[in-house]
PDB file of N, CA and C in Angstrom:
ATOM      1  N   MET A   1      35.759 282.614-123.335  1.00  0.00           N
ATOM      2  CA  MET A   1      36.559 283.374-124.257  1.00  0.00           C
ATOM      3  C   MET A   1      35.716 283.934-125.401  1.00  0.00           C
ATOM      4  N   PHE A   2      34.753 283.174-125.858  1.00  0.00           N
ATOM      5  CA  PHE A   2      33.918 283.627-126.966  1.00  0.00           C
ATOM      6  C   PHE A   2      32.541 284.021-126.450  1.00  0.00           C
ATOM      7  N   GLU A   3      31.919 284.973-127.129  1.00  0.00           N
ATOM      8  CA  GLU A   3      30.587 285.418-126.723  1.00  0.00           C
ATOM      9  C   GLU A   3      29.534 284.386-127.130  1.00  0.00           C
ATOM     10  N   HIS A   4      28.452 284.393-126.403  1.00  0.00           N
ATOM     11  CA  HIS A   4      27.343 283.472-126.664  1.00  0.00           C
ATOM     12  C   HIS A   4      26.674 283.860-127.975  1.00  0.00           C
ATOM     13  N   ARG A   5      26.003 282.903-128.589  1.00  0.00           N
ATOM     14  CA  ARG A   5      25.387 283.157-129.893  1.00  0.00           C
ATOM     15  C   ARG A   5      24.267 284.190-129.836  1.00  0.00           C
ATOM     16  N   THR A   6      23.722 284.436-128.640  1.00  0.00           N
ATOM     17  CA  THR A   6      22.663 285.437-128.520  1.00  0.00           C
ATOM     18  C   THR A   6      23.223 286.852-128.396  1.00  0.00           C
ATOM     19  N   LYS A   7      24.508 286.984-128.193  1.00  0.00           N
ATOM     20  CA  LYS A   7      25.158 288.300-128.076  1.00  0.00           C
ATOM     21  C   LYS A   7      25.467 288.840-129.470  1.00  0.00           C
ATOM     22  N   PRO A   8      25.604 290.151-129.588  1.00  0.00           N
ATOM     23  CA  PRO A   8      25.941 290.724-130.907  1.00  0.00           C
ATOM     24  C   PRO A   8      27.377 290.400-131.312  1.00  0.00           C
ATOM     25  N   LEU A   9      27.646 290.537-132.609  1.00  0.00           N
ATOM     26  CA  LEU A   9      29.000 290.313-133.129  1.00  0.00           C
ATOM     27  C   LEU A   9      29.962 291.346-132.555  1.00  0.00           C
ATOM     28  N   LEU A  10      31.208 290.949-132.440  1.00  0.00           N
ATOM     29  CA  LEU A  10      32.241 291.882-132.000  1.00  0.00           C
ATOM     30  C   LEU A  10      32.524 292.903-133.097  1.00  0.00           C
ATOM     31  N   SER A  11      33.030 294.044-132.690  1.00  0.00           N
ATOM     32  CA  SER A  11      33.479 295.023-133.678  1.00  0.00           C
ATOM     33  C   SER A  11      34.744 294.477-134.344  1.00  0.00           C
ATOM     34  N   ARG A  12      35.119 295.077-135.466  1.00  0.00           N
ATOM     35  CA  ARG A  12      36.338 294.635-136.157  1.00  0.00           C
ATOM     36  C   ARG A  12      37.553 294.742-135.240  1.00  0.00           C
ATOM     37  N   ARG A  13      37.624 295.826-134.525  1.00  0.00           N
ATOM     38  CA  ARG A  13      38.766 296.049-133.628  1.00  0.00           C
ATOM     39  C   ARG A  13      38.841 294.967-132.554  1.00  0.00           C
ATOM     40  N   GLU A  14      37.704 294.647-131.955  1.00  0.00           N
ATOM     41  CA  GLU A  14      37.673 293.608-130.917  1.00  0.00           C
ATOM     42  C   GLU A  14      38.003 292.238-131.509  1.00  0.00           C
ATOM     43  N   PHE A  15      37.496 291.983-132.718  1.00  0.00           N
ATOM     44  CA  PHE A  15      37.780 290.710-133.366  1.00  0.00           C
ATOM     45  C   PHE A  15      39.272 290.555-133.640  1.00  0.00           C
ATOM     46  N   PHE A  16      39.906 291.590-134.188  1.00  0.00           N
ATOM     47  CA  PHE A  16      41.334 291.496-134.494  1.00  0.00           C
ATOM     48  C   PHE A  16      42.174 291.421-133.226  1.00  0.00           C
ATOM     49  N   ALA A  17      41.709 292.042-132.148  1.00  0.00           N
ATOM     50  CA  ALA A  17      42.402 291.912-130.867  1.00  0.00           C
ATOM     51  C   ALA A  17      42.316 290.470-130.366  1.00  0.00           C
ATOM     52  N   ARG A  18      41.143 289.859-130.508  1.00  0.00           N
ATOM     53  CA  ARG A  18      40.984 288.453-130.119  1.00  0.00           C
ATOM     54  C   ARG A  18      41.857 287.550-130.972  1.00  0.00           C
ATOM     55  N   TRP A  19      41.899 287.823-132.266  1.00  0.00           N
ATOM     56  CA  TRP A  19      42.698 287.023-133.181  1.00  0.00           C
ATOM     57  C   TRP A  19      44.183 287.164-132.861  1.00  0.00           C
ATOM     58  N   ALA A  20      44.612 288.372-132.507  1.00  0.00           N
ATOM     59  CA  ALA A  20      46.013 288.595-132.142  1.00  0.00           C
ATOM     60  C   ALA A  20      46.373 287.816-130.874  1.00  0.00           C
ATOM     61  N   LYS A  21      45.478 287.809-129.893  1.00  0.00           N
ATOM     62  CA  LYS A  21      45.728 287.036-128.667  1.00  0.00           C
ATOM     63  C   LYS A  21      45.829 285.550-128.981  1.00  0.00           C
ATOM     64  N   SER A  22      44.958 285.084-129.834  1.00  0.00           N
ATOM     65  CA  SER A  22      44.958 283.679-130.209  1.00  0.00           C
ATOM     66  C   SER A  22      46.227 283.318-130.977  1.00  0.00           C
ATOM     67  N   ALA A  23      46.638 284.189-131.885  1.00  0.00           N
ATOM     68  CA  ALA A  23      47.875 283.950-132.637  1.00  0.00           C
ATOM     69  C   ALA A  23      49.081 283.987-131.704  1.00  0.00           C
ATOM     70  N   ALA A  24      49.059 284.881-130.708  1.00  0.00           N
ATOM     71  CA  ALA A  24      50.155 284.946-129.737  1.00  0.00           C
ATOM     72  C   ALA A  24      50.236 283.652-128.929  1.00  0.00           C
ATOM     73  N   ALA A  25      49.087 283.097-128.582  1.00  0.00           N
ATOM     74  CA  ALA A  25      49.079 281.812-127.877  1.00  0.00           C
ATOM     75  C   ALA A  25      49.675 280.726-128.770  1.00  0.00           C
ATOM     76  N   GLY A  26      49.390 280.777-130.066  1.00  0.00           N
ATOM     77  CA  GLY A  26      49.981 279.832-131.013  1.00  0.00           C
ATOM     78  C   GLY A  26      51.492 279.971-131.087  1.00  0.00           C
ATOM     79  N   VAL A  27      51.981 281.197-131.052  1.00  0.00           N
ATOM     80  CA  VAL A  27      53.422 281.434-131.076  1.00  0.00           C
ATOM     81  C   VAL A  27      54.073 280.870-129.817  1.00  0.00           C
ATOM     82  N   VAL A  28      53.416 281.008-128.678  1.00  0.00           N
ATOM     83  CA  VAL A  28      53.947 280.448-127.429  1.00  0.00           C
ATOM     84  C   VAL A  28      54.054 278.927-127.538  1.00  0.00           C
ATOM     85  N   VAL A  29      53.040 278.290-128.104  1.00  0.00           N
ATOM     86  CA  VAL A  29      53.078 276.831-128.283  1.00  0.00           C
ATOM     87  C   VAL A  29      54.220 276.451-129.233  1.00  0.00           C
ATOM     88  N   ILE A  30      54.406 277.220-130.300  1.00  0.00           N
ATOM     89  CA  ILE A  30      55.501 276.950-131.245  1.00  0.00           C
ATOM     90  C   ILE A  30      56.851 277.059-130.544  1.00  0.00           C
ATOM     91  N   LEU A  31      57.041 278.126-129.783  1.00  0.00           N
ATOM     92  CA  LEU A  31      58.314 278.325-129.092  1.00  0.00           C
ATOM     93  C   LEU A  31      58.581 277.215-128.073  1.00  0.00           C
ATOM     94  N   PHE A  32      57.542 276.802-127.350  1.00  0.00           N
ATOM     95  CA  PHE A  32      57.693 275.708-126.383  1.00  0.00           C
ATOM     96  C   PHE A  32      58.073 274.418-127.104  1.00  0.00           C
ATOM     97  N   ALA A  33      57.346 274.090-128.164  1.00  0.00           N
ATOM     98  CA  ALA A  33      57.613 272.852-128.907  1.00  0.00           C
ATOM     99  C   ALA A  33      59.006 272.885-129.535  1.00  0.00           C
ATOM    100  N   LEU A  34      59.391 274.027-130.051  1.00  0.00           N
ATOM    101  CA  LEU A  34      60.728 274.165-130.637  1.00  0.00           C
ATOM    102  C   LEU A  34      61.805 274.007-129.566  1.00  0.00           C
ATOM    103  N   GLY A  35      61.570 274.573-128.390  1.00  0.00           N
ATOM    104  CA  GLY A  35      62.525 274.441-127.289  1.00  0.00           C
ATOM    105  C   GLY A  35      62.695 272.996-126.844  1.00  0.00           C
ATOM    106  N   VAL A  36      61.571 272.272-126.743  1.00  0.00           N
ATOM    107  CA  VAL A  36      61.637 270.852-126.368  1.00  0.00           C
ATOM    108  C   VAL A  36      62.441 270.073-127.401  1.00  0.00           C
ATOM    109  N   GLY A  37      62.164 270.316-128.680  1.00  0.00           N
ATOM    110  CA  GLY A  37      62.878 269.608-129.741  1.00  0.00           C
ATOM    111  C   GLY A  37      64.360 269.932-129.763  1.00  0.00           C
ATOM    112  N   MET A  38      64.685 271.197-129.617  1.00  0.00           N
ATOM    113  CA  MET A  38      66.099 271.588-129.623  1.00  0.00           C
ATOM    114  C   MET A  38      66.847 270.956-128.455  1.00  0.00           C
ATOM    115  N   ALA A  39      66.244 270.982-127.279  1.00  0.00           N
ATOM    116  CA  ALA A  39      66.892 270.392-126.100  1.00  0.00           C
ATOM    117  C   ALA A  39      67.090 268.889-126.285  1.00  0.00           C
ATOM    118  N   GLY A  40      66.085 268.226-126.836  1.00  0.00           N
ATOM    119  CA  GLY A  40      66.183 266.782-127.048  1.00  0.00           C
ATOM    120  C   GLY A  40      67.245 266.411-128.054  1.00  0.00           C
ATOM    121  N   TYR A  41      67.271 267.089-129.180  1.00  0.00           N
ATOM    122  CA  TYR A  41      68.292 266.787-130.195  1.00  0.00           C
ATOM    123  C   TYR A  41      69.689 267.128-129.696  1.00  0.00           C
ATOM    124  N   HIS A  42      69.801 268.204-128.954  1.00  0.00           N
ATOM    125  CA  HIS A  42      71.104 268.585-128.407  1.00  0.00           C
ATOM    126  C   HIS A  42      71.583 267.541-127.390  1.00  0.00           C
ATOM    127  N   HIS A  43      70.668 267.076-126.552  1.00  0.00           N
ATOM    128  CA  HIS A  43      71.024 266.122-125.506  1.00  0.00           C
ATOM    129  C   HIS A  43      71.275 264.710-126.057  1.00  0.00           C
ATOM    130  N   PHE A  44      70.326 264.194-126.837  1.00  0.00           N
ATOM    131  CA  PHE A  44      70.403 262.796-127.267  1.00  0.00           C
ATOM    132  C   PHE A  44      71.343 262.558-128.439  1.00  0.00           C
ATOM    133  N   GLU A  45      71.463 263.520-129.338  1.00  0.00           N
ATOM    134  CA  GLU A  45      72.294 263.334-130.529  1.00  0.00           C
ATOM    135  C   GLU A  45      73.547 264.206-130.515  1.00  0.00           C
ATOM    136  N   ASN A  46      73.734 264.961-129.447  1.00  0.00           N
ATOM    137  CA  ASN A  46      74.890 265.863-129.325  1.00  0.00           C
ATOM    138  C   ASN A  46      75.018 266.800-130.531  1.00  0.00           C
ATOM    139  N   LEU A  47      73.875 267.238-131.051  1.00  0.00           N
ATOM    140  CA  LEU A  47      73.894 268.191-132.158  1.00  0.00           C
ATOM    141  C   LEU A  47      74.169 269.588-131.608  1.00  0.00           C
ATOM    142  N   ARG A  48      74.840 270.404-132.428  1.00  0.00           N
ATOM    143  CA  ARG A  48      75.012 271.807-132.042  1.00  0.00           C
ATOM    144  C   ARG A  48      73.627 272.448-131.993  1.00  0.00           C
ATOM    145  N   TRP A  49      73.514 273.578-131.292  1.00  0.00           N
ATOM    146  CA  TRP A  49      72.204 274.207-131.113  1.00  0.00           C
ATOM    147  C   TRP A  49      71.562 274.589-132.443  1.00  0.00           C
ATOM    148  N   LEU A  50      72.358 275.068-133.373  1.00  0.00           N
ATOM    149  CA  LEU A  50      71.806 275.448-134.676  1.00  0.00           C
ATOM    150  C   LEU A  50      71.290 274.222-135.429  1.00  0.00           C
ATOM    151  N   GLU A  51      72.015 273.123-135.371  1.00  0.00           N
ATOM    152  CA  GLU A  51      71.553 271.883-136.010  1.00  0.00           C
ATOM    153  C   GLU A  51      70.321 271.332-135.294  1.00  0.00           C
ATOM    154  N   ALA A  52      70.311 271.455-133.972  1.00  0.00           N
ATOM    155  CA  ALA A  52      69.141 271.012-133.203  1.00  0.00           C
ATOM    156  C   ALA A  52      67.917 271.844-133.582  1.00  0.00           C
ATOM    157  N   PHE A  53      68.124 273.157-133.751  1.00  0.00           N
ATOM    158  CA  PHE A  53      67.026 274.034-134.193  1.00  0.00           C
ATOM    159  C   PHE A  53      66.522 273.600-135.566  1.00  0.00           C
ATOM    160  N   GLU A  54      67.447 273.323-136.478  1.00  0.00           N
ATOM    161  CA  GLU A  54      67.063 272.915-137.831  1.00  0.00           C
ATOM    162  C   GLU A  54      66.236 271.628-137.807  1.00  0.00           C
ATOM    163  N   ASN A  55      66.689 270.634-137.067  1.00  0.00           N
ATOM    164  CA  ASN A  55      65.943 269.373-136.990  1.00  0.00           C
ATOM    165  C   ASN A  55      64.583 269.568-136.336  1.00  0.00           C
ATOM    166  N   ALA A  56      64.555 270.297-135.224  1.00  0.00           N
ATOM    167  CA  ALA A  56      63.297 270.496-134.507  1.00  0.00           C
ATOM    168  C   ALA A  56      62.295 271.270-135.364  1.00  0.00           C
ATOM    169  N   SER A  57      62.751 272.300-136.044  1.00  0.00           N
ATOM    170  CA  SER A  57      61.825 273.088-136.863  1.00  0.00           C
ATOM    171  C   SER A  57      61.333 272.286-138.072  1.00  0.00           C
ATOM    172  N   MET A  58      62.187 271.462-138.631  1.00  0.00           N
ATOM    173  CA  MET A  58      61.761 270.648-139.765  1.00  0.00           C
ATOM    174  C   MET A  58      60.729 269.598-139.341  1.00  0.00           C
ATOM    175  N   ILE A  59      60.945 268.970-138.198  1.00  0.00           N
ATOM    176  CA  ILE A  59      59.971 267.994-137.694  1.00  0.00           C
ATOM    177  C   ILE A  59      58.670 268.702-137.336  1.00  0.00           C
ATOM    178  N   LEU A  60      58.773 269.839-136.649  1.00  0.00           N
ATOM    179  CA  LEU A  60      57.579 270.574-136.212  1.00  0.00           C
ATOM    180  C   LEU A  60      56.744 271.041-137.403  1.00  0.00           C
ATOM    181  N   SER A  61      57.391 271.359-138.505  1.00  0.00           N
ATOM    182  CA  SER A  61      56.658 271.808-139.689  1.00  0.00           C
ATOM    183  C   SER A  61      56.164 270.645-140.551  1.00  0.00           C
ATOM    184  N   GLY A  62      56.533 269.431-140.193  1.00  0.00           N
ATOM    185  CA  GLY A  62      56.069 268.262-140.930  1.00  0.00           C
ATOM    186  C   GLY A  62      56.972 267.839-142.074  1.00  0.00           C
ATOM    187  N   MET A  63      58.148 268.416-142.162  1.00  0.00           N
ATOM    188  CA  MET A  63      59.057 268.107-143.273  1.00  0.00           C
ATOM    189  C   MET A  63      59.915 266.870-143.019  1.00  0.00           C
ATOM    190  N   GLY A  64      60.260 266.609-141.785  1.00  0.00           N
ATOM    191  CA  GLY A  64      61.114 265.463-141.476  1.00  0.00           C
ATOM    192  C   GLY A  64      62.485 265.902-141.026  1.00  0.00           C
ATOM    193  N   PRO A  65      63.228 264.989-140.395  1.00  0.00           N
ATOM    194  CA  PRO A  65      64.541 265.355-139.859  1.00  0.00           C
ATOM    195  C   PRO A  65      65.572 265.580-140.962  1.00  0.00           C
ATOM    196  N   VAL A  66      66.592 266.360-140.625  1.00  0.00           N
ATOM    197  CA  VAL A  66      67.671 266.645-141.567  1.00  0.00           C
ATOM    198  C   VAL A  66      68.864 265.749-141.259  1.00  0.00           C
ATOM    199  N   SER A  67      69.257 265.698-139.992  1.00  0.00           N
ATOM    200  CA  SER A  67      70.405 264.888-139.568  1.00  0.00           C
ATOM    201  C   SER A  67      69.959 263.465-139.265  1.00  0.00           C
ATOM    202  N   PRO A  68      70.724 262.481-139.684  1.00  0.00           N
ATOM    203  CA  PRO A  68      70.378 261.096-139.344  1.00  0.00           C
ATOM    204  C   PRO A  68      70.588 260.850-137.855  1.00  0.00           C
ATOM    205  N   MET A  69      69.708 260.075-137.271  1.00  0.00           N
ATOM    206  CA  MET A  69      69.815 259.743-135.851  1.00  0.00           C
ATOM    207  C   MET A  69      70.779 258.571-135.715  1.00  0.00           C
ATOM    208  N   THR A  70      71.771 258.710-134.832  1.00  0.00           N
ATOM    209  CA  THR A  70      72.808 257.681-134.710  1.00  0.00           C
ATOM    210  C   THR A  70      72.715 256.889-133.419  1.00  0.00           C
ATOM    211  N   THR A  71      72.040 257.416-132.400  1.00  0.00           N
ATOM    212  CA  THR A  71      71.933 256.705-131.119  1.00  0.00           C
ATOM    213  C   THR A  71      70.523 256.179-130.943  1.00  0.00           C
ATOM    214  N   ASP A  72      70.399 255.153-130.107  1.00  0.00           N
ATOM    215  CA  ASP A  72      69.059 254.632-129.817  1.00  0.00           C
ATOM    216  C   ASP A  72      68.206 255.675-129.111  1.00  0.00           C
ATOM    217  N   GLY A  73      68.816 256.405-128.179  1.00  0.00           N
ATOM    218  CA  GLY A  73      68.079 257.460-127.474  1.00  0.00           C
ATOM    219  C   GLY A  73      67.609 258.540-128.422  1.00  0.00           C
ATOM    220  N   GLY A  74      68.456 258.896-129.384  1.00  0.00           N
ATOM    221  CA  GLY A  74      68.085 259.897-130.381  1.00  0.00           C
ATOM    222  C   GLY A  74      66.953 259.428-131.264  1.00  0.00           C
ATOM    223  N   LYS A  75      66.984 258.172-131.639  1.00  0.00           N
ATOM    224  CA  LYS A  75      65.916 257.619-132.476  1.00  0.00           C
ATOM    225  C   LYS A  75      64.596 257.585-131.713  1.00  0.00           C
ATOM    226  N   PHE A  76      64.651 257.175-130.454  1.00  0.00           N
ATOM    227  CA  PHE A  76      63.434 257.145-129.636  1.00  0.00           C
ATOM    228  C   PHE A  76      62.888 258.561-129.447  1.00  0.00           C
ATOM    229  N   PHE A  77      63.787 259.504-129.137  1.00  0.00           N
ATOM    230  CA  PHE A  77      63.349 260.883-128.965  1.00  0.00           C
ATOM    231  C   PHE A  77      62.736 261.419-130.254  1.00  0.00           C
ATOM    232  N   ALA A  78      63.372 261.161-131.388  1.00  0.00           N
ATOM    233  CA  ALA A  78      62.874 261.671-132.668  1.00  0.00           C
ATOM    234  C   ALA A  78      61.466 261.144-132.959  1.00  0.00           C
ATOM    235  N   GLY A  79      61.218 259.874-132.660  1.00  0.00           N
ATOM    236  CA  GLY A  79      59.884 259.310-132.861  1.00  0.00           C
ATOM    237  C   GLY A  79      58.847 259.956-131.963  1.00  0.00           C
ATOM    238  N   CYS A  80      59.196 260.099-130.684  1.00  0.00           N
ATOM    239  CA  CYS A  80      58.266 260.735-129.731  1.00  0.00           C
ATOM    240  C   CYS A  80      58.033 262.199-130.099  1.00  0.00           C
ATOM    241  N   TYR A  81      59.102 262.883-130.497  1.00  0.00           N
ATOM    242  CA  TYR A  81      58.968 264.296-130.864  1.00  0.00           C
ATOM    243  C   TYR A  81      58.122 264.458-132.125  1.00  0.00           C
ATOM    244  N   ALA A  82      58.227 263.531-133.056  1.00  0.00           N
ATOM    245  CA  ALA A  82      57.408 263.592-134.271  1.00  0.00           C
ATOM    246  C   ALA A  82      55.925 263.433-133.919  1.00  0.00           C
ATOM    247  N   LEU A  83      55.596 262.507-133.022  1.00  0.00           N
ATOM    248  CA  LEU A  83      54.201 262.347-132.588  1.00  0.00           C
ATOM    249  C   LEU A  83      53.710 263.600-131.871  1.00  0.00           C
ATOM    250  N   PHE A  84      54.539 264.126-130.972  1.00  0.00           N
ATOM    251  CA  PHE A  84      54.206 265.351-130.253  1.00  0.00           C
ATOM    252  C   PHE A  84      54.007 266.510-131.233  1.00  0.00           C
ATOM    253  N   SER A  85      54.859 266.594-132.249  1.00  0.00           N
ATOM    254  CA  SER A  85      54.776 267.693-133.211  1.00  0.00           C
ATOM    255  C   SER A  85      53.479 267.653-134.007  1.00  0.00           C
ATOM    256  N   GLY A  86      53.001 266.458-134.317  1.00  0.00           N
ATOM    257  CA  GLY A  86      51.725 266.348-135.020  1.00  0.00           C
ATOM    258  C   GLY A  86      50.587 266.932-134.199  1.00  0.00           C
ATOM    259  N   LEU A  87      50.569 266.624-132.922  1.00  0.00           N
ATOM    260  CA  LEU A  87      49.540 267.194-132.036  1.00  0.00           C
ATOM    261  C   LEU A  87      49.735 268.691-131.851  1.00  0.00           C
ATOM    262  N   ALA A  88      50.982 269.123-131.770  1.00  0.00           N
ATOM    263  CA  ALA A  88      51.265 270.553-131.624  1.00  0.00           C
ATOM    264  C   ALA A  88      50.779 271.318-132.850  1.00  0.00           C
ATOM    265  N   LEU A  89      50.978 270.751-134.030  1.00  0.00           N
ATOM    266  CA  LEU A  89      50.540 271.408-135.259  1.00  0.00           C
ATOM    267  C   LEU A  89      49.020 271.578-135.276  1.00  0.00           C
ATOM    268  N   ILE A  90      48.303 270.552-134.864  1.00  0.00           N
ATOM    269  CA  ILE A  90      46.843 270.634-134.797  1.00  0.00           C
ATOM    270  C   ILE A  90      46.422 271.688-133.776  1.00  0.00           C
ATOM    271  N   THR A  91      47.094 271.721-132.630  1.00  0.00           N
ATOM    272  CA  THR A  91      46.782 272.705-131.592  1.00  0.00           C
ATOM    273  C   THR A  91      47.031 274.126-132.090  1.00  0.00           C
ATOM    274  N   ILE A  92      48.147 274.334-132.744  1.00  0.00           N
ATOM    275  CA  ILE A  92      48.498 275.661-133.251  1.00  0.00           C
ATOM    276  C   ILE A  92      47.477 276.113-134.299  1.00  0.00           C
ATOM    277  N   ALA A  93      47.106 275.229-135.195  1.00  0.00           N
ATOM    278  CA  ALA A  93      46.109 275.573-136.215  1.00  0.00           C
ATOM    279  C   ALA A  93      44.767 275.893-135.550  1.00  0.00           C
ATOM    280  N   GLY A  94      44.391 275.122-134.542  1.00  0.00           N
ATOM    281  CA  GLY A  94      43.147 275.391-133.826  1.00  0.00           C
ATOM    282  C   GLY A  94      43.170 276.746-133.144  1.00  0.00           C
ATOM    283  N   LEU A  95      44.269 277.070-132.499  1.00  0.00           N
ATOM    284  CA  LEU A  95      44.383 278.381-131.849  1.00  0.00           C
ATOM    285  C   LEU A  95      44.276 279.511-132.863  1.00  0.00           C
ATOM    286  N   PHE A  96      44.913 279.338-134.008  1.00  0.00           N
ATOM    287  CA  PHE A  96      44.931 280.400-135.005  1.00  0.00           C
ATOM    288  C   PHE A  96      43.570 280.585-135.674  1.00  0.00           C
ATOM    289  N   PHE A  97      42.901 279.483-136.009  1.00  0.00           N
ATOM    290  CA  PHE A  97      41.663 279.579-136.768  1.00  0.00           C
ATOM    291  C   PHE A  97      40.393 279.642-135.927  1.00  0.00           C
ATOM    292  N   ALA A  98      40.464 279.381-134.637  1.00  0.00           N
ATOM    293  CA  ALA A  98      39.267 279.378-133.782  1.00  0.00           C
ATOM    294  C   ALA A  98      38.490 280.696-133.833  1.00  0.00           C
ATOM    295  N   PRO A  99      39.130 281.857-133.721  1.00  0.00           N
ATOM    296  CA  PRO A  99      38.345 283.095-133.782  1.00  0.00           C
ATOM    297  C   PRO A  99      37.630 283.298-135.116  1.00  0.00           C
ATOM    298  N   VAL A 100      38.250 282.891-136.213  1.00  0.00           N
ATOM    299  CA  VAL A 100      37.638 283.054-137.538  1.00  0.00           C
ATOM    300  C   VAL A 100      36.432 282.125-137.673  1.00  0.00           C
ATOM    301  N   VAL A 101      36.595 280.882-137.264  1.00  0.00           N
ATOM    302  CA  VAL A 101      35.496 279.915-137.336  1.00  0.00           C
ATOM    303  C   VAL A 101      34.352 280.352-136.422  1.00  0.00           C
ATOM    304  N   HIS A 102      34.702 280.842-135.228  1.00  0.00           N
ATOM    305  CA  HIS A 102      33.664 281.302-134.310  1.00  0.00           C
ATOM    306  C   HIS A 102      32.884 282.468-134.899  1.00  0.00           C
ATOM    307  N   LEU A 103      33.581 283.406-135.509  1.00  0.00           N
ATOM    308  CA  LEU A 103      32.906 284.552-136.130  1.00  0.00           C
ATOM    309  C   LEU A 103      31.954 284.087-137.221  1.00  0.00           C
ATOM    310  N   PHE A 104      32.417 283.161-138.051  1.00  0.00           N
ATOM    311  CA  PHE A 104      31.569 282.628-139.121  1.00  0.00           C
ATOM    312  C   PHE A 104      30.315 281.965-138.547  1.00  0.00           C
ATOM    313  N   LEU A 105      30.496 281.086-137.553  1.00  0.00           N
ATOM    314  CA  LEU A 105      29.350 280.389-136.963  1.00  0.00           C
ATOM    315  C   LEU A 105      28.426 281.356-136.227  1.00  0.00           C
ATOM    316  N   HIS A 106      29.012 282.340-135.557  1.00  0.00           N
ATOM    317  CA  HIS A 106      28.198 283.330-134.847  1.00  0.00           C
ATOM    318  C   HIS A 106      27.335 284.110-135.839  1.00  0.00           C
ATOM    319  N   ARG A 107      27.929 284.547-136.929  1.00  0.00           N
ATOM    320  CA  ARG A 107      27.179 285.284-137.958  1.00  0.00           C
ATOM    321  C   ARG A 107      26.079 284.393-138.550  1.00  0.00           C
ATOM    322  N   PHE A 108      26.401 283.126-138.775  1.00  0.00           N
ATOM    323  CA  PHE A 108      25.431 282.170-139.303  1.00  0.00           C
ATOM    324  C   PHE A 108      24.239 282.040-138.357  1.00  0.00           C
ATOM    325  N   HIS A 109      24.476 281.948-137.052  1.00  0.00           N
ATOM    326  CA  HIS A 109      23.390 281.826-136.072  1.00  0.00           C
ATOM    327  C   HIS A 109      22.569 283.105-135.991  1.00  0.00           C
ATOM    328  N   LEU A 110      23.211 284.264-136.101  1.00  0.00           N
ATOM    329  CA  LEU A 110      22.457 285.517-136.067  1.00  0.00           C
ATOM    330  C   LEU A 110      21.510 285.611-137.255  1.00  0.00           C
ATOM    331  N   GLU A 111      21.999 285.179-138.426  1.00  0.00           N
ATOM    332  CA  GLU A 111      21.138 285.198-139.613  1.00  0.00           C
ATOM    333  C   GLU A 111      19.997 284.201-139.467  1.00  0.00           C
ATOM    334  N   ASP A 112      20.267 283.039-138.871  1.00  0.00           N
ATOM    335  CA  ASP A 112      19.235 282.029-138.630  1.00  0.00           C
ATOM    336  C   ASP A 112      18.143 282.570-137.728  1.00  0.00           C
ATOM    337  N   GLU A 113      18.538 283.231-136.648  1.00  0.00           N
ATOM    338  CA  GLU A 113      17.560 283.766-135.695  1.00  0.00           C
ATOM    339  C   GLU A 113      16.743 284.887-136.316  1.00  0.00           C
ATOM    340  N   ALA A 114      17.365 285.695-137.167  1.00  0.00           N
ATOM    341  CA  ALA A 114      16.636 286.779-137.821  1.00  0.00           C
ATOM    342  C   ALA A 114      15.587 286.212-138.777  1.00  0.00           C
ATOM    343  N   ASP A 115      15.904 285.125-139.454  1.00  0.00           N
ATOM    344  CA  ASP A 115      14.947 284.490-140.369  1.00  0.00           C
ATOM    345  C   ASP A 115      13.824 283.799-139.616  1.00  0.00           C
ATOM    346  N   ALA A 116      14.094 283.306-138.416  1.00  0.00           N
ATOM    347  CA  ALA A 116      13.109 282.542-137.653  1.00  0.00           C
ATOM    348  C   ALA A 116      12.086 283.444-136.964  1.00  0.00           C
ATOM    349  N   LYS A 117      12.443 284.697-136.721  1.00  0.00           N
ATOM    350  CA  LYS A 117      11.506 285.605-136.036  1.00  0.00           C
ATOM    351  C   LYS A 117      10.347 285.960-136.955  1.00  0.00           C
ATOM    352  N   PRO A 118       9.139 285.869-136.419  1.00  0.00           N
ATOM    353  CA  PRO A 118       7.989 286.263-137.251  1.00  0.00           C
ATOM    354  C   PRO A 118       7.990 287.780-137.462  1.00  0.00           C
ATOM    355  N   LYS A 119       7.643 288.202-138.656  1.00  0.00           N
ATOM    356  CA  LYS A 119       7.607 289.619-138.958  1.00  0.00           C
ATOM    357  C   LYS A 119       6.262 290.200-138.516  1.00  0.00           C
ATOM    358  N   LYS A 120       6.343 291.356-137.883  1.00  0.00           N
ATOM    359  CA  LYS A 120       5.121 292.032-137.409  1.00  0.00           C
ATOM    360  C   LYS A 120       4.511 292.821-138.552  1.00  0.00           C
ATOM    361  N   SER A 121       3.187 292.766-138.632  1.00  0.00           N
ATOM    362  CA  SER A 121       2.511 293.491-139.690  1.00  0.00           C
ATOM    363  C   SER A 121       2.111 294.860-139.234  1.00  0.00           C
TER     364      SER A 121
END
């Protein structure tokens, strides 16, 4: 997905296209995680879809649940979903920031190689 450090930097247009693809992949992960949470809250706690969305989005964003869990299945699901959401958040952040970090490191390596080359007299 990323060019080797010996290759030249991407143009701005290519970089933003890569960043858009990466952000789109992050949105897909968000939608999947939100769908899992909504289905679980709807099934285990018999919450309406809007309430299930509210709980799932709050957990996914790291804020915590809104509705109290009343069933054992709901409590177990909420705990598992909270653990899953923590990993999803890290994955989403990685997808979003990977192109920026890669560009920074790539530029850093290009500058390193330029400094290491002996200058011809």
